[in-house]
C-alpha cells in the first residue's frame, strides 16, 4: 500500500515539474534614447488582431485585462497616457499554439524498501494550448518598432488563474524592459 502512495506522489511530482514555464525576453533598438518618450497610447492594430484570435483565449475580457496591466506598468515608469497624440504606440499580440509534451518515468521500487512496483517505462502524452504575449512599443512619429517584449508559455486554465498569469507575465516583461534600459 505504501509503495502505491509513493507511486502516486512520484507521478504528481513529475507532472508538476514538466508543466510549461513562462519564458520572458525582449529586443530593442540600441540607437534609441528612451528618455525622449513621455507618453503612450494604444495602437489601432490591437483591435484588428481580435478578428484572427482564439475566442476562448483572445477575447475582449482578456484584452481589457492586458490593457489594464500594460497601462499600469507604463504609468509606473513615468509615462502618461495620451489618447490623441502619444509619443509611443503600444500594440500587443496573443499567439496560441497547440502543443504536445511527451513524458516518461521509470520505476524501480520504493525508497523505504517495502517491496517493489515494477514499471519499466511509463510514457504518456500531455496535450495543451500554450500562449505567447508579445508587446510592441512603436515610435508613433516614425512608425518604427523600438522595443518588443514577449512571454512564452502562458497556459489557459481558468479565468482567475489566467488573469494572475497574464498580470505576472506582463510584470516580468516590463522587468525585462527595465533591465534592458539601464
N, C-alpha and C. Protein backbone atom coordinates (compact mmCIF):
# COMPACT_ATOMS: atom_id res chain seq x y z
N UNK A 1 0.81 -1.20 0.00
CA UNK A 1 0.00 0.00 0.00
C UNK A 1 0.86 1.26 0.00
N UNK A 2 1.89 1.24 0.83
CA UNK A 2 2.77 2.40 0.93
C UNK A 2 3.46 2.68 -0.40
N UNK A 3 3.84 1.61 -1.09
CA UNK A 3 4.51 1.82 -2.38
C UNK A 3 3.58 2.44 -3.41
N UNK A 4 2.29 2.18 -3.32
CA UNK A 4 1.32 2.79 -4.24
C UNK A 4 1.17 4.28 -3.96
N UNK A 5 1.18 4.64 -2.69
CA UNK A 5 1.10 6.06 -2.33
C UNK A 5 2.32 6.80 -2.85
N UNK A 6 3.49 6.20 -2.67
CA UNK A 6 4.71 6.81 -3.20
C UNK A 6 4.63 6.97 -4.72
N UNK A 7 4.13 5.94 -5.38
CA UNK A 7 3.99 5.95 -6.84
C UNK A 7 3.10 7.12 -7.28
N UNK A 8 1.98 7.34 -6.61
CA UNK A 8 1.07 8.44 -6.95
C UNK A 8 1.77 9.78 -6.78
N UNK A 9 2.47 9.97 -5.65
CA UNK A 9 3.17 11.24 -5.41
C UNK A 9 4.32 11.45 -6.40
N UNK A 10 5.00 10.37 -6.77
CA UNK A 10 6.09 10.49 -7.75
C UNK A 10 5.55 10.97 -9.10
N UNK A 11 4.42 10.41 -9.52
CA UNK A 11 3.82 10.82 -10.80
C UNK A 11 3.32 12.26 -10.72
N UNK A 12 2.71 12.64 -9.61
CA UNK A 12 2.22 14.02 -9.46
C UNK A 12 3.40 15.00 -9.51
N UNK A 13 4.51 14.64 -8.87
CA UNK A 13 5.69 15.50 -8.91
C UNK A 13 6.24 15.63 -10.30
N UNK A 14 6.25 14.53 -11.05
CA UNK A 14 6.73 14.55 -12.41
C UNK A 14 5.85 15.44 -13.28
N UNK A 15 4.56 15.31 -13.15
CA UNK A 15 3.65 16.12 -13.95
C UNK A 15 3.80 17.60 -13.63
N UNK A 16 3.93 17.92 -12.36
CA UNK A 16 4.11 19.32 -11.97
C UNK A 16 5.42 19.88 -12.47
N UNK A 17 6.47 19.07 -12.44
CA UNK A 17 7.80 19.54 -12.86
C UNK A 17 7.86 19.76 -14.36
N UNK A 18 7.02 19.08 -15.12
CA UNK A 18 7.09 19.17 -16.57
C UNK A 18 6.14 20.21 -17.16
N UNK A 19 5.34 20.84 -16.35
CA UNK A 19 4.41 21.81 -16.90
C UNK A 19 5.18 22.99 -17.50
N UNK A 20 4.68 23.56 -18.58
CA UNK A 20 5.40 24.63 -19.25
C UNK A 20 5.64 25.83 -18.33
N UNK A 21 6.81 26.40 -18.44
CA UNK A 21 7.19 27.56 -17.66
C UNK A 21 7.14 28.80 -18.55
N UNK A 22 6.92 29.95 -17.94
CA UNK A 22 6.90 31.19 -18.69
C UNK A 22 8.33 31.64 -18.93
N UNK A 23 8.62 31.94 -20.17
CA UNK A 23 9.93 32.44 -20.57
C UNK A 23 9.74 33.86 -21.10
N UNK A 24 10.54 34.79 -20.62
CA UNK A 24 10.40 36.20 -20.98
C UNK A 24 11.68 36.70 -21.61
N UNK A 25 11.53 37.52 -22.64
CA UNK A 25 12.69 38.11 -23.30
C UNK A 25 12.26 39.40 -23.98
N UNK A 26 13.24 40.14 -24.48
CA UNK A 26 12.91 41.37 -25.19
C UNK A 26 14.00 41.71 -26.19
N UNK A 27 13.67 42.63 -27.06
CA UNK A 27 14.61 43.14 -28.05
C UNK A 27 14.31 44.61 -28.24
N UNK A 28 15.32 45.39 -28.56
CA UNK A 28 15.11 46.82 -28.71
C UNK A 28 16.15 47.41 -29.65
N UNK A 29 15.89 48.63 -30.09
CA UNK A 29 16.79 49.37 -30.97
C UNK A 29 17.83 50.08 -30.11
N UNK A 30 19.09 49.71 -30.26
CA UNK A 30 20.19 50.30 -29.47
C UNK A 30 20.37 51.79 -29.71
N UNK A 31 19.93 52.27 -30.85
CA UNK A 31 20.16 53.67 -31.21
C UNK A 31 19.11 54.62 -30.64
N UNK A 32 18.12 54.10 -29.96
CA UNK A 32 17.02 54.93 -29.45
C UNK A 32 17.32 55.41 -28.03
N UNK A 33 17.05 56.69 -27.80
CA UNK A 33 17.13 57.25 -26.45
C UNK A 33 15.72 57.23 -25.87
N UNK A 34 15.45 56.26 -25.01
CA UNK A 34 14.11 56.07 -24.47
C UNK A 34 13.67 57.20 -23.54
N UNK A 35 14.60 57.99 -23.06
CA UNK A 35 14.23 59.10 -22.18
C UNK A 35 13.50 60.21 -22.92
N UNK A 36 13.53 60.20 -24.25
CA UNK A 36 12.83 61.20 -25.05
C UNK A 36 11.31 60.98 -25.08
N UNK A 37 10.88 59.81 -24.68
CA UNK A 37 9.46 59.47 -24.74
C UNK A 37 8.80 59.71 -23.38
N UNK A 38 7.66 60.41 -23.41
CA UNK A 38 6.95 60.68 -22.17
C UNK A 38 5.52 60.13 -22.14
N UNK A 39 4.95 59.85 -23.29
CA UNK A 39 3.54 59.45 -23.32
C UNK A 39 3.35 58.19 -24.16
N UNK A 40 2.22 57.54 -23.93
CA UNK A 40 1.88 56.33 -24.68
C UNK A 40 0.39 56.29 -24.93
N UNK A 41 0.01 55.55 -25.94
CA UNK A 41 -1.39 55.31 -26.27
C UNK A 41 -1.49 53.95 -26.95
N UNK A 42 -2.69 53.56 -27.28
CA UNK A 42 -2.91 52.24 -27.89
C UNK A 42 -2.84 52.33 -29.41
N UNK A 43 -2.24 51.36 -30.01
CA UNK A 43 -2.17 51.25 -31.46
C UNK A 43 -3.52 50.80 -32.01
N UNK A 44 -3.84 51.25 -33.22
CA UNK A 44 -5.06 50.80 -33.89
C UNK A 44 -4.97 49.32 -34.25
N UNK A 45 -3.77 48.77 -34.32
CA UNK A 45 -3.57 47.37 -34.69
C UNK A 45 -4.14 46.41 -33.65
N UNK A 46 -4.29 46.85 -32.42
CA UNK A 46 -4.80 45.97 -31.36
C UNK A 46 -6.18 45.45 -31.72
N UNK A 47 -7.04 46.30 -32.17
CA UNK A 47 -8.41 45.87 -32.49
C UNK A 47 -8.45 44.96 -33.71
N UNK A 48 -7.54 45.15 -34.66
CA UNK A 48 -7.52 44.30 -35.85
C UNK A 48 -7.17 42.86 -35.50
N UNK A 49 -6.31 42.68 -34.51
CA UNK A 49 -5.87 41.34 -34.14
C UNK A 49 -7.00 40.48 -33.60
N UNK A 50 -8.02 41.08 -33.04
CA UNK A 50 -9.13 40.33 -32.44
C UNK A 50 -9.84 39.44 -33.45
N UNK A 51 -9.89 39.85 -34.69
CA UNK A 51 -10.60 39.09 -35.71
C UNK A 51 -9.97 37.73 -35.96
N UNK A 52 -8.65 37.62 -35.79
CA UNK A 52 -7.94 36.38 -36.09
C UNK A 52 -7.67 35.52 -34.85
N UNK A 53 -8.06 35.99 -33.68
CA UNK A 53 -7.68 35.34 -32.43
C UNK A 53 -8.47 34.09 -32.11
N UNK A 54 -8.10 33.47 -31.00
CA UNK A 54 -8.79 32.31 -30.46
C UNK A 54 -9.84 32.83 -29.47
N UNK A 55 -11.12 32.70 -29.74
CA UNK A 55 -12.15 33.33 -28.90
C UNK A 55 -12.15 32.87 -27.44
N UNK A 56 -11.68 31.68 -27.14
CA UNK A 56 -11.65 31.23 -25.75
C UNK A 56 -10.48 31.86 -24.99
N UNK A 57 -9.47 32.32 -25.70
CA UNK A 57 -8.28 32.86 -25.07
C UNK A 57 -8.10 34.34 -25.41
N UNK A 58 -8.38 34.67 -26.64
CA UNK A 58 -8.21 36.04 -27.12
C UNK A 58 -9.60 36.66 -27.28
N UNK A 59 -10.07 37.28 -26.21
CA UNK A 59 -11.39 37.88 -26.25
C UNK A 59 -11.34 39.25 -25.56
N UNK A 60 -12.44 39.95 -25.57
CA UNK A 60 -12.48 41.31 -25.04
C UNK A 60 -12.12 41.38 -23.55
N UNK A 61 -12.56 40.40 -22.77
CA UNK A 61 -12.22 40.39 -21.34
C UNK A 61 -10.72 40.27 -21.13
N UNK A 62 -10.10 39.35 -21.84
CA UNK A 62 -8.65 39.15 -21.72
C UNK A 62 -7.91 40.39 -22.21
N UNK A 63 -8.33 40.94 -23.34
CA UNK A 63 -7.67 42.12 -23.88
C UNK A 63 -7.77 43.32 -22.93
N UNK A 64 -8.91 43.47 -22.28
CA UNK A 64 -9.04 44.57 -21.31
C UNK A 64 -8.12 44.37 -20.12
N UNK A 65 -7.97 43.13 -19.66
CA UNK A 65 -7.05 42.85 -18.56
C UNK A 65 -5.61 43.14 -18.97
N UNK A 66 -5.27 42.76 -20.18
CA UNK A 66 -3.91 43.02 -20.68
C UNK A 66 -3.68 44.53 -20.76
N UNK A 67 -4.64 45.25 -21.31
CA UNK A 67 -4.51 46.71 -21.41
C UNK A 67 -4.35 47.36 -20.04
N UNK A 68 -5.14 46.93 -19.07
CA UNK A 68 -5.03 47.49 -17.72
C UNK A 68 -3.64 47.25 -17.13
N UNK A 69 -3.13 46.04 -17.31
CA UNK A 69 -1.81 45.71 -16.76
C UNK A 69 -0.70 46.49 -17.46
N UNK A 70 -0.77 46.58 -18.78
CA UNK A 70 0.26 47.33 -19.52
C UNK A 70 0.20 48.80 -19.14
N UNK A 71 -1.00 49.34 -19.06
CA UNK A 71 -1.15 50.75 -18.68
C UNK A 71 -0.54 51.01 -17.30
N UNK A 72 -0.81 50.13 -16.37
CA UNK A 72 -0.25 50.26 -15.03
C UNK A 72 1.28 50.21 -15.05
N UNK A 73 1.83 49.30 -15.82
CA UNK A 73 3.28 49.17 -15.93
C UNK A 73 3.90 50.41 -16.58
N UNK A 74 3.28 50.91 -17.63
CA UNK A 74 3.81 52.11 -18.31
C UNK A 74 3.75 53.32 -17.38
N UNK A 75 2.62 53.50 -16.72
CA UNK A 75 2.47 54.65 -15.82
C UNK A 75 3.43 54.57 -14.63
N UNK A 76 3.70 53.38 -14.15
CA UNK A 76 4.63 53.23 -13.03
C UNK A 76 6.06 53.58 -13.45
N UNK A 77 6.32 53.64 -14.73
CA UNK A 77 7.63 54.02 -15.25
C UNK A 77 7.67 55.49 -15.69
N UNK A 78 6.63 56.24 -15.35
CA UNK A 78 6.62 57.67 -15.60
C UNK A 78 5.98 58.11 -16.91
N UNK A 79 5.48 57.18 -17.70
CA UNK A 79 4.79 57.54 -18.94
C UNK A 79 3.37 57.97 -18.62
N UNK A 80 2.85 58.90 -19.37
CA UNK A 80 1.45 59.31 -19.20
C UNK A 80 0.64 58.82 -20.39
N UNK A 81 -0.60 58.48 -20.11
CA UNK A 81 -1.48 58.00 -21.17
C UNK A 81 -2.01 59.19 -21.96
N UNK A 82 -1.87 59.14 -23.28
CA UNK A 82 -2.35 60.18 -24.18
C UNK A 82 -3.10 59.50 -25.31
N UNK A 83 -4.40 59.67 -25.32
CA UNK A 83 -5.24 59.00 -26.31
C UNK A 83 -5.06 59.58 -27.72
N UNK A 84 -4.71 60.88 -27.82
CA UNK A 84 -4.71 61.55 -29.12
C UNK A 84 -3.36 61.59 -29.83
N UNK A 85 -2.30 61.97 -29.14
CA UNK A 85 -1.01 62.13 -29.80
C UNK A 85 0.14 61.63 -28.91
N UNK A 86 0.18 60.32 -28.65
CA UNK A 86 1.23 59.79 -27.78
C UNK A 86 2.58 59.71 -28.50
N UNK A 87 3.65 59.73 -27.72
CA UNK A 87 4.98 59.52 -28.28
C UNK A 87 5.14 58.06 -28.72
N UNK A 88 4.61 57.16 -27.90
CA UNK A 88 4.71 55.73 -28.17
C UNK A 88 3.33 55.13 -28.37
N UNK A 89 3.22 54.26 -29.35
CA UNK A 89 2.01 53.47 -29.51
C UNK A 89 2.30 52.07 -28.99
N UNK A 90 1.40 51.57 -28.17
CA UNK A 90 1.56 50.23 -27.62
C UNK A 90 0.65 49.28 -28.39
N UNK A 91 1.23 48.19 -28.80
CA UNK A 91 0.50 47.15 -29.50
C UNK A 91 0.80 45.83 -28.80
N UNK A 92 -0.13 44.91 -28.81
CA UNK A 92 0.18 43.57 -28.30
C UNK A 92 -0.51 42.53 -29.15
N UNK A 93 0.07 41.34 -29.13
CA UNK A 93 -0.44 40.21 -29.90
C UNK A 93 -0.55 39.01 -28.97
N UNK A 94 -1.57 38.23 -29.17
CA UNK A 94 -1.73 36.98 -28.46
C UNK A 94 -1.61 35.87 -29.49
N UNK A 95 -0.67 34.98 -29.28
CA UNK A 95 -0.46 33.86 -30.18
C UNK A 95 -0.72 32.59 -29.39
N UNK A 96 -1.56 31.71 -29.93
CA UNK A 96 -1.92 30.47 -29.25
C UNK A 96 -1.53 29.30 -30.14
N UNK A 97 -0.83 28.35 -29.54
CA UNK A 97 -0.41 27.16 -30.28
C UNK A 97 -0.83 25.91 -29.53
N UNK A 98 -1.21 24.90 -30.27
CA UNK A 98 -1.46 23.58 -29.67
C UNK A 98 -0.11 22.90 -29.53
N UNK A 99 0.15 22.38 -28.34
CA UNK A 99 1.42 21.72 -28.08
C UNK A 99 1.16 20.33 -27.52
N UNK A 100 2.16 19.49 -27.64
CA UNK A 100 2.10 18.16 -27.06
C UNK A 100 3.45 17.88 -26.40
N UNK A 101 3.39 17.39 -25.19
CA UNK A 101 4.60 17.09 -24.45
C UNK A 101 4.61 15.60 -24.15
N UNK A 102 5.76 14.98 -24.34
CA UNK A 102 5.92 13.56 -24.04
C UNK A 102 6.61 13.43 -22.69
N UNK A 103 6.10 12.54 -21.88
CA UNK A 103 6.66 12.34 -20.55
C UNK A 103 6.99 10.87 -20.36
N UNK A 104 8.06 10.63 -19.68
CA UNK A 104 8.48 9.27 -19.41
C UNK A 104 9.05 9.20 -18.00
N UNK A 105 8.75 8.12 -17.30
CA UNK A 105 9.30 7.89 -15.97
C UNK A 105 9.60 6.41 -15.82
N UNK A 106 10.63 6.11 -15.08
CA UNK A 106 10.98 4.72 -14.86
C UNK A 106 10.84 4.41 -13.38
N UNK A 107 10.31 3.25 -13.07
CA UNK A 107 10.13 2.87 -11.68
C UNK A 107 10.97 1.67 -11.31
N UNK A 108 11.52 1.69 -10.10
CA UNK A 108 12.35 0.57 -9.65
C UNK A 108 11.93 0.07 -8.27
N UNK A 109 11.26 0.85 -7.49
CA UNK A 109 10.88 0.42 -6.16
C UNK A 109 10.72 1.61 -5.24
N UNK A 110 10.41 1.35 -4.01
CA UNK A 110 10.23 2.43 -3.04
C UNK A 110 11.53 2.72 -2.34
N UNK A 111 11.73 3.94 -1.87
CA UNK A 111 12.97 4.25 -1.17
C UNK A 111 13.02 3.62 0.21
N UNK A 112 11.91 3.14 0.71
CA UNK A 112 11.88 2.56 2.05
C UNK A 112 12.14 1.06 2.02
N UNK A 113 12.17 0.44 0.86
CA UNK A 113 12.45 -0.98 0.75
C UNK A 113 11.28 -1.89 1.08
N UNK A 114 10.07 -1.38 1.04
CA UNK A 114 8.89 -2.18 1.35
C UNK A 114 8.30 -2.81 0.09
N UNK A 115 9.07 -3.52 -0.63
CA UNK A 115 8.55 -4.14 -1.84
C UNK A 115 8.83 -3.28 -3.06
N UNK A 116 8.52 -3.81 -4.18
CA UNK A 116 8.82 -3.13 -5.43
C UNK A 116 7.57 -3.04 -6.29
N UNK A 117 7.46 -1.96 -6.99
CA UNK A 117 6.48 -1.88 -8.05
C UNK A 117 7.30 -1.88 -9.32
N UNK A 118 6.93 -2.67 -10.23
CA UNK A 118 7.75 -2.82 -11.43
C UNK A 118 7.01 -2.21 -12.61
N UNK A 119 7.51 -1.14 -13.07
CA UNK A 119 7.01 -0.49 -14.27
C UNK A 119 8.25 0.04 -14.96
N UNK A 120 8.72 -0.66 -15.93
CA UNK A 120 9.99 -0.30 -16.56
C UNK A 120 9.96 1.08 -17.19
N UNK A 121 8.89 1.39 -17.85
CA UNK A 121 8.84 2.68 -18.53
C UNK A 121 7.39 3.11 -18.65
N UNK A 122 7.09 4.27 -18.12
CA UNK A 122 5.73 4.81 -18.24
C UNK A 122 5.81 5.99 -19.20
N UNK A 123 5.08 5.93 -20.27
CA UNK A 123 5.09 7.01 -21.25
C UNK A 123 3.68 7.55 -21.41
N UNK A 124 3.62 8.86 -21.49
CA UNK A 124 2.32 9.47 -21.71
C UNK A 124 2.52 10.76 -22.49
N UNK A 125 1.45 11.21 -23.07
CA UNK A 125 1.49 12.50 -23.77
C UNK A 125 0.55 13.44 -23.05
N UNK A 126 0.87 14.69 -23.15
CA UNK A 126 0.11 15.73 -22.49
C UNK A 126 -0.16 16.80 -23.54
N UNK A 127 -1.43 16.97 -23.91
CA UNK A 127 -1.82 17.99 -24.88
C UNK A 127 -2.22 19.26 -24.14
N UNK A 128 -1.77 20.39 -24.64
CA UNK A 128 -2.15 21.65 -24.02
C UNK A 128 -2.05 22.77 -25.04
N UNK A 129 -2.63 23.90 -24.69
CA UNK A 129 -2.55 25.10 -25.52
C UNK A 129 -1.63 26.06 -24.80
N UNK A 130 -0.64 26.53 -25.51
CA UNK A 130 0.29 27.46 -24.92
C UNK A 130 0.17 28.80 -25.63
N UNK A 131 0.17 29.82 -24.85
CA UNK A 131 0.04 31.15 -25.41
C UNK A 131 1.31 31.96 -25.25
N UNK A 132 1.48 32.88 -26.14
CA UNK A 132 2.56 33.86 -26.06
C UNK A 132 1.93 35.24 -26.13
N UNK A 133 2.47 36.13 -25.35
CA UNK A 133 2.03 37.52 -25.36
C UNK A 133 3.21 38.35 -25.84
N UNK A 134 2.99 39.14 -26.86
CA UNK A 134 4.03 39.99 -27.43
C UNK A 134 3.58 41.43 -27.28
N UNK A 135 4.44 42.26 -26.71
CA UNK A 135 4.13 43.67 -26.51
C UNK A 135 5.12 44.50 -27.33
N UNK A 136 4.59 45.38 -28.17
CA UNK A 136 5.41 46.25 -29.01
C UNK A 136 5.28 47.69 -28.56
N UNK A 137 6.40 48.41 -28.53
CA UNK A 137 6.40 49.86 -28.37
C UNK A 137 6.89 50.45 -29.68
N UNK A 138 6.06 51.30 -30.27
CA UNK A 138 6.34 51.86 -31.59
C UNK A 138 6.44 53.38 -31.49
N UNK A 139 7.51 53.93 -32.04
CA UNK A 139 7.65 55.39 -32.14
C UNK A 139 6.58 55.86 -33.11
N UNK A 140 5.59 56.60 -32.60
CA UNK A 140 4.45 57.00 -33.42
C UNK A 140 4.85 57.91 -34.56
N UNK A 141 5.75 58.84 -34.30
CA UNK A 141 6.15 59.81 -35.32
C UNK A 141 6.83 59.13 -36.51
N UNK A 142 7.70 58.17 -36.23
CA UNK A 142 8.44 57.49 -37.30
C UNK A 142 7.83 56.15 -37.70
N UNK A 143 6.78 55.74 -36.99
CA UNK A 143 6.16 54.44 -37.21
C UNK A 143 7.22 53.32 -37.20
N UNK A 144 8.07 53.35 -36.15
CA UNK A 144 9.19 52.43 -36.05
C UNK A 144 9.11 51.64 -34.74
N UNK A 145 9.21 50.33 -34.86
CA UNK A 145 9.26 49.47 -33.68
C UNK A 145 10.57 49.74 -32.95
N UNK A 146 10.48 50.13 -31.67
CA UNK A 146 11.71 50.44 -30.93
C UNK A 146 11.97 49.44 -29.80
N UNK A 147 10.93 48.74 -29.34
CA UNK A 147 11.10 47.74 -28.29
C UNK A 147 10.02 46.70 -28.41
N UNK A 148 10.41 45.45 -28.13
CA UNK A 148 9.44 44.36 -28.14
C UNK A 148 9.77 43.43 -26.97
N UNK A 149 8.76 43.13 -26.17
CA UNK A 149 8.91 42.18 -25.08
C UNK A 149 7.91 41.06 -25.27
N UNK A 150 8.30 39.87 -24.87
CA UNK A 150 7.38 38.76 -25.05
C UNK A 150 7.53 37.73 -23.94
N UNK A 151 6.42 37.08 -23.67
CA UNK A 151 6.37 35.99 -22.70
C UNK A 151 5.79 34.78 -23.42
N UNK A 152 6.48 33.67 -23.31
CA UNK A 152 6.03 32.42 -23.92
C UNK A 152 5.76 31.40 -22.81
N UNK A 153 4.75 30.59 -23.01
CA UNK A 153 4.46 29.52 -22.06
C UNK A 153 3.27 29.79 -21.18
N UNK A 154 2.40 30.70 -21.58
CA UNK A 154 1.22 31.01 -20.79
C UNK A 154 0.15 29.98 -21.13
N UNK A 155 -0.27 29.23 -20.13
CA UNK A 155 -1.28 28.19 -20.33
C UNK A 155 -2.67 28.70 -20.00
N UNK A 156 -3.64 28.21 -20.71
CA UNK A 156 -5.05 28.53 -20.42
C UNK A 156 -5.53 27.59 -19.33
N UNK A 157 -5.97 28.16 -18.23
CA UNK A 157 -6.53 27.34 -17.16
C UNK A 157 -7.94 27.83 -16.91
N UNK A 158 -8.16 28.55 -15.83
CA UNK A 158 -9.47 29.13 -15.58
C UNK A 158 -9.32 30.65 -15.56
N UNK A 159 -10.41 31.40 -15.65
CA UNK A 159 -10.30 32.86 -15.77
C UNK A 159 -9.50 33.53 -14.65
N UNK A 160 -9.65 33.06 -13.42
CA UNK A 160 -8.92 33.68 -12.31
C UNK A 160 -7.42 33.41 -12.43
N UNK A 161 -7.07 32.17 -12.75
CA UNK A 161 -5.65 31.82 -12.94
C UNK A 161 -5.08 32.54 -14.15
N UNK A 162 -5.87 32.64 -15.21
CA UNK A 162 -5.40 33.33 -16.42
C UNK A 162 -5.06 34.78 -16.12
N UNK A 163 -5.93 35.44 -15.36
CA UNK A 163 -5.69 36.84 -15.02
C UNK A 163 -4.39 36.98 -14.24
N UNK A 164 -4.16 36.11 -13.28
CA UNK A 164 -2.92 36.14 -12.49
C UNK A 164 -1.71 35.88 -13.36
N UNK A 165 -1.82 34.88 -14.24
CA UNK A 165 -0.68 34.52 -15.10
C UNK A 165 -0.37 35.64 -16.09
N UNK A 166 -1.39 36.24 -16.67
CA UNK A 166 -1.17 37.34 -17.60
C UNK A 166 -0.53 38.53 -16.90
N UNK A 167 -1.06 38.88 -15.75
CA UNK A 167 -0.52 40.00 -14.98
C UNK A 167 0.94 39.74 -14.62
N UNK A 168 1.22 38.54 -14.17
CA UNK A 168 2.59 38.16 -13.82
C UNK A 168 3.50 38.21 -15.05
N UNK A 169 3.02 37.71 -16.18
CA UNK A 169 3.81 37.73 -17.41
C UNK A 169 4.11 39.15 -17.84
N UNK A 170 3.12 40.03 -17.75
CA UNK A 170 3.31 41.43 -18.14
C UNK A 170 4.29 42.11 -17.20
N UNK A 171 4.18 41.84 -15.92
CA UNK A 171 5.15 42.39 -14.96
C UNK A 171 6.56 41.93 -15.30
N UNK A 172 6.72 40.64 -15.62
CA UNK A 172 8.04 40.11 -15.97
C UNK A 172 8.56 40.72 -17.27
N UNK A 173 7.67 40.94 -18.23
CA UNK A 173 8.10 41.59 -19.48
C UNK A 173 8.65 42.97 -19.19
N UNK A 174 7.98 43.71 -18.32
CA UNK A 174 8.44 45.07 -18.02
C UNK A 174 9.65 45.10 -17.09
N UNK A 175 9.88 44.05 -16.33
CA UNK A 175 11.15 43.93 -15.60
C UNK A 175 12.26 43.79 -16.64
N UNK A 176 12.00 43.02 -17.67
CA UNK A 176 12.96 42.89 -18.77
C UNK A 176 13.19 44.25 -19.44
N UNK A 177 12.14 45.03 -19.59
CA UNK A 177 12.25 46.37 -20.14
C UNK A 177 13.20 47.21 -19.28
N UNK A 178 13.00 47.17 -17.96
CA UNK A 178 13.85 47.93 -17.05
C UNK A 178 15.31 47.50 -17.16
N UNK A 179 15.54 46.19 -17.22
CA UNK A 179 16.91 45.67 -17.31
C UNK A 179 17.58 46.09 -18.60
N UNK A 180 16.85 46.10 -19.69
CA UNK A 180 17.43 46.47 -20.98
C UNK A 180 17.69 47.98 -21.08
N UNK A 181 16.90 48.75 -20.35
CA UNK A 181 17.02 50.21 -20.46
C UNK A 181 18.08 50.80 -19.53
N UNK A 182 18.65 50.01 -18.64
CA UNK A 182 19.66 50.54 -17.70
C UNK A 182 21.01 50.63 -18.33
